[in-house]
Protein backbone atom coordinates (compact mmCIF):
# COMPACT_ATOMS: atom_id res chain seq x y z
CA MET A 1 0.11 -0.15 -0.30
CA THR A 2 1.34 3.29 -1.11
CA ALA A 3 0.39 4.94 2.30
CA SER A 4 2.27 2.67 4.31
CA VAL A 5 5.58 3.22 2.18
CA VAL A 6 5.13 6.82 2.91
CA ARG A 7 4.94 6.09 6.60
CA ASP A 8 7.86 3.94 6.47
CA LEU A 9 9.87 6.61 4.83
CA HIS A 10 9.06 9.24 7.46
CA LYS A 11 9.87 6.95 10.04
CA THR A 12 13.24 7.40 8.96
CA ASP A 13 13.16 11.10 8.90
CA LYS A 14 13.31 11.19 5.17
CA VAL A 15 10.73 12.63 3.07
CA HIS A 16 9.70 12.12 -0.94
CA PRO A 17 10.44 15.47 -2.61
CA ASN A 18 8.56 14.19 -6.15
CA LEU A 19 5.76 12.14 -4.68
CA GLN A 20 3.57 11.03 -7.53
CA PRO A 21 2.49 7.64 -9.13
CA LYS A 22 5.25 7.33 -11.43
CA ASN A 23 7.68 7.04 -8.68
CA ILE A 24 5.86 4.40 -6.76
CA LEU A 25 7.24 0.87 -7.77
CA ILE A 26 4.82 -2.17 -7.74
CA LYS A 27 6.47 -5.50 -7.94
CA GLY A 28 3.84 -8.20 -7.31
CA THR A 29 2.32 -6.90 -3.52
CA GLN A 30 5.06 -5.27 -2.93
CA PHE A 31 5.17 -1.29 -3.00
CA SER A 32 8.29 0.76 -2.96
CA LEU A 33 9.34 4.53 -3.69
CA VAL A 34 11.96 6.11 -5.87
CA ASP A 35 13.91 9.13 -5.48
CA THR A 36 14.08 9.65 -1.76
CA GLN A 37 15.90 12.38 0.07
CA PRO A 38 16.52 13.25 3.45
CA LEU A 39 14.53 16.44 5.08
CA GLY A 40 15.33 19.94 4.01
CA LYS A 41 16.11 19.20 0.31
CA THR A 42 15.29 21.69 -2.38
CA LEU A 43 11.45 21.17 -3.96
CA TYR A 44 10.86 19.90 -7.37
CA GLY A 45 8.02 17.81 -8.69
CA ARG A 46 4.79 18.31 -10.69
CA TYR A 47 1.49 19.46 -10.42
CA PRO A 48 -0.78 18.90 -8.92
CA TYR A 49 1.12 16.90 -6.36
CA PHE A 50 2.89 20.17 -5.01
CA ALA A 51 1.41 21.13 -1.88
CA PRO A 52 -0.04 24.93 -1.23
CA GLU A 53 2.95 25.74 0.95
CA MET A 54 5.13 24.80 -1.58
CA ARG A 55 7.62 23.16 1.05
CA VAL A 56 9.36 19.76 1.10
CA ASP A 57 8.48 17.84 4.37
CA GLN A 58 6.17 15.34 5.90
CA ALA A 59 3.07 17.35 5.73
CA SER A 60 3.55 18.15 1.98
CA ASN A 61 3.95 14.36 1.37
CA VAL A 62 0.61 13.72 2.87
CA TYR A 63 -0.92 16.19 0.62
CA ALA A 64 0.71 14.59 -2.59
CA LEU A 65 -0.91 11.47 -0.97
CA GLY A 66 -4.22 12.56 -0.81
CA ILE A 67 -4.09 13.62 -4.47
CA ILE A 68 -3.12 9.90 -5.24
CA LEU A 69 -5.90 8.35 -3.13
CA TRP A 70 -8.17 10.90 -4.90
CA GLN A 71 -6.99 9.90 -8.19
CA LEU A 72 -7.74 6.27 -7.52
CA VAL A 73 -11.42 6.50 -7.15
CA SER A 74 -12.05 9.56 -9.47
CA GLY A 75 -10.43 7.98 -12.29
CA VAL A 76 -9.03 11.46 -13.39
CA ILE A 77 -5.70 12.63 -13.85
CA PHE A 78 -5.07 15.98 -14.79
CA PRO A 79 -2.20 17.59 -16.65
CA THR A 80 1.13 17.93 -15.09
CA SER A 81 2.10 21.40 -16.39
CA VAL A 82 -0.65 23.28 -14.99
CA ALA A 83 -1.81 24.04 -11.39
CA VAL A 84 -5.05 22.27 -10.44
CA CYS A 85 -7.25 24.36 -8.35
CA PRO A 86 -8.12 22.66 -5.17
CA GLU A 87 -12.15 23.18 -5.67
CA VAL A 88 -11.75 20.31 -8.28
CA TYR A 89 -10.99 17.92 -5.08
CA LYS A 90 -14.58 19.09 -3.55
CA MET A 91 -16.66 17.67 -6.36
CA GLU A 92 -19.56 16.00 -5.08
CA PRO A 93 -18.56 12.21 -3.56
CA LEU A 94 -18.66 9.30 -5.86
CA LYS A 95 -21.81 7.07 -4.43
CA THR A 96 -19.86 3.96 -4.71
CA VAL A 97 -16.97 5.38 -2.57
CA ASP A 98 -17.36 5.13 1.23
CA GLY A 99 -17.66 8.17 2.77
CA SER A 100 -14.74 7.48 5.31
CA TYR A 101 -12.67 7.22 2.32
CA GLN A 102 -13.81 10.49 1.18
CA THR A 103 -12.71 11.80 4.40
CA ILE A 104 -9.25 10.20 4.65
CA PHE A 105 -8.09 12.06 1.44
CA THR A 106 -10.08 15.39 2.09
CA GLN A 107 -7.99 15.58 5.32
CA CYS A 108 -4.88 15.13 3.59
CA LEU A 109 -5.61 17.79 1.12
CA ALA A 110 -6.43 20.51 4.02
CA LYS A 111 -4.89 24.00 3.10
CA ASP A 112 -3.08 24.38 6.52
CA PRO A 113 -0.49 21.62 6.80
CA ARG A 114 -1.26 21.42 10.39
CA LEU A 115 -4.43 20.32 9.68
CA ARG A 116 -3.36 17.09 7.67
CA PRO A 117 -2.96 13.71 9.34
CA THR A 118 0.13 11.89 9.56
CA ALA A 119 1.12 9.07 7.26
CA GLN A 120 0.75 6.94 10.20
CA GLN A 121 -2.56 7.98 10.65
CA VAL A 122 -3.71 7.85 7.02
CA CYS A 123 -2.67 4.30 7.15
CA ASP A 124 -4.19 3.24 10.31
CA SER A 125 -7.33 5.06 8.82
CA LEU A 126 -7.07 3.10 5.63
CA ILE A 127 -6.65 -0.31 7.23
CA ALA A 128 -9.19 0.16 9.41
CA LEU A 129 -11.66 0.85 6.37
CA LEU A 130 -10.32 -2.08 4.73
CA LEU A 131 -11.28 -4.61 7.48
CA GLN A 132 -14.48 -3.17 7.79
CA HIS A 133 -15.47 -3.75 4.36
CA MET A 134 -13.89 -7.03 3.66
CA SER A 135 -16.64 -8.96 4.18
CA ILE A 136 -19.26 -6.55 2.36
CA SER A 137 -20.15 -7.99 -1.35
CA ARG A 138 -19.78 -4.63 -3.71
CA HIS A 139 -20.99 -4.29 -7.50
CA LEU A 140 -17.90 -3.21 -9.16
CA TRP A 141 -19.79 -2.37 -12.10
CA GLU A 142 -21.57 -0.02 -10.46
CA HIS A 143 -18.25 2.02 -9.26
CA GLY A 144 -17.08 1.48 -13.12
CA GLU A 145 -20.02 3.14 -14.32
CA GLU A 146 -19.93 6.20 -12.06
CA VAL A 147 -15.91 6.83 -12.86
CA ARG A 148 -16.72 6.61 -16.65
CA GLN A 149 -19.71 9.40 -16.07
CA ARG A 150 -17.26 11.61 -14.20
CA GLN A 151 -14.67 11.36 -16.87
CA ALA A 152 -17.14 12.39 -19.12
CA ARG A 153 -18.25 15.21 -17.21
CA ILE A 154 -14.48 16.38 -16.72
CA VAL A 155 -14.27 15.87 -20.58
CA LYS A 156 -16.96 18.47 -21.34
CA TYR A 157 -15.76 20.94 -18.65
CA LEU A 158 -12.19 20.85 -20.19
CA LEU A 159 -13.89 21.55 -23.95
CA HIS A 160 -14.78 24.61 -22.19
CA CYS A 161 -11.35 25.56 -20.78
CA HIS A 162 -8.80 27.28 -22.94
CA GLN A 163 -6.91 25.24 -25.68
CA ASN A 164 -3.51 25.16 -24.03
CA VAL A 165 -5.12 23.65 -20.99
CA ALA A 166 -7.66 21.27 -22.67
CA ILE A 167 -5.45 19.63 -25.21
CA PRO A 168 -2.59 18.37 -22.43
CA ALA A 169 -5.40 17.45 -20.11
CA MET A 170 -7.31 15.29 -22.73
CA ASN A 171 -3.56 13.80 -23.74
CA ASP A 172 -3.21 12.98 -20.04
CA LEU A 173 -6.83 11.08 -19.81
CA MET A 174 -6.16 9.23 -22.91
CA GLN A 175 -2.59 8.30 -21.83
CA GLY A 176 -2.62 4.12 -20.80
CA ALA A 177 -6.41 4.04 -20.98
CA SER A 178 -7.69 1.27 -22.72
CA LEU A 179 -9.21 0.86 -26.02
CA LYS A 180 -12.64 1.14 -24.72
CA LYS A 181 -12.28 4.14 -22.42
CA ARG A 182 -10.32 6.09 -25.23
CA MET A 183 -13.14 5.24 -27.56
CA MET A 184 -15.96 6.65 -25.09
CA LEU A 185 -13.59 9.99 -24.26
CA ARG A 186 -13.24 10.61 -28.26
CA ILE A 187 -17.20 9.83 -28.55
CA THR A 188 -17.78 12.40 -25.59
CA ALA A 189 -16.05 15.03 -27.27
CA SER A 190 -13.18 15.67 -30.28
CA VAL A 191 -10.88 18.51 -28.92
CA GLY A 192 -9.48 19.29 -32.26
CA SER A 193 -12.78 19.66 -34.10
CA TYR A 194 -14.29 21.71 -31.34
CA TYR A 195 -11.65 24.26 -31.44
CA ASP A 196 -11.82 24.23 -35.38
CA GLN A 197 -15.18 25.42 -34.89
CA LYS A 198 -14.77 27.56 -31.67
CA SER A 199 -11.21 29.15 -33.07
CA ASN A 200 -12.26 32.76 -32.41
CA CYS A 201 -13.41 31.95 -28.84
CA GLY A 202 -11.40 32.59 -25.76
CA ILE A 203 -12.38 30.74 -22.19
CA LEU A 204 -15.81 30.10 -22.46
CA ASP A 205 -18.83 29.79 -19.91
CA LEU A 206 -19.02 26.75 -18.00
CA PRO A 207 -21.58 24.30 -19.29
CA GLU A 208 -24.39 23.32 -16.82
CA ILE A 209 -22.78 20.26 -15.71
CA GLY A 210 -22.70 20.82 -12.10
CA MET A 211 -19.12 21.67 -11.93
CA GLU A 212 -19.63 25.54 -11.61
CA ASN A 213 -17.13 26.05 -9.23
CA VAL A 214 -14.46 23.67 -10.64
CA TYR A 215 -11.72 25.40 -12.98
CA LEU A 216 -7.93 25.02 -13.59
CA CYS A 217 -5.49 27.60 -12.21
CA THR A 218 -3.25 28.59 -15.34
């Protein structure tokens, strides 16, 4: 579990200056991190994994962990070249995701680093949640359908952003996606044809898709 690797790293008084999915190695059931450093090194990395305080410490690692936890259930990865407004992580909860899980990553994303849990507390909460739900039968297709609907809404939103934001974001959504997912996203919208038709427009008004307070900070 990624959270447990971050916890173990913090126990050695080290932090990860660039915590993001591509720096998480998975071999079988074993998780590990690459590119770790002692406390106090220079900040580098990518959006949206930067904490608001732009500092490398254990609290900023927990913030990045919160982003990863959010991405795991949202099915959405925003471009790494632009800052993502924190409001995007406050979208209405997925109905198929336990409210306790929502609480965990929301706490990790607290703007004030003093209000974030420690990596140990995140691990404890995730383990407790896992044990609580191990015996509960769940219909995975329901969650998959809700994730697909969420991705479609994100695509519709991106089409109303500026071109230099929308196209990289769409490319990120397509990267590594299955053929079925890529077809769904392309059917939802074609960025190229959209901007051919709207070439004289700048940033457009947000459509009525329930995301009025969600935008990218450019």
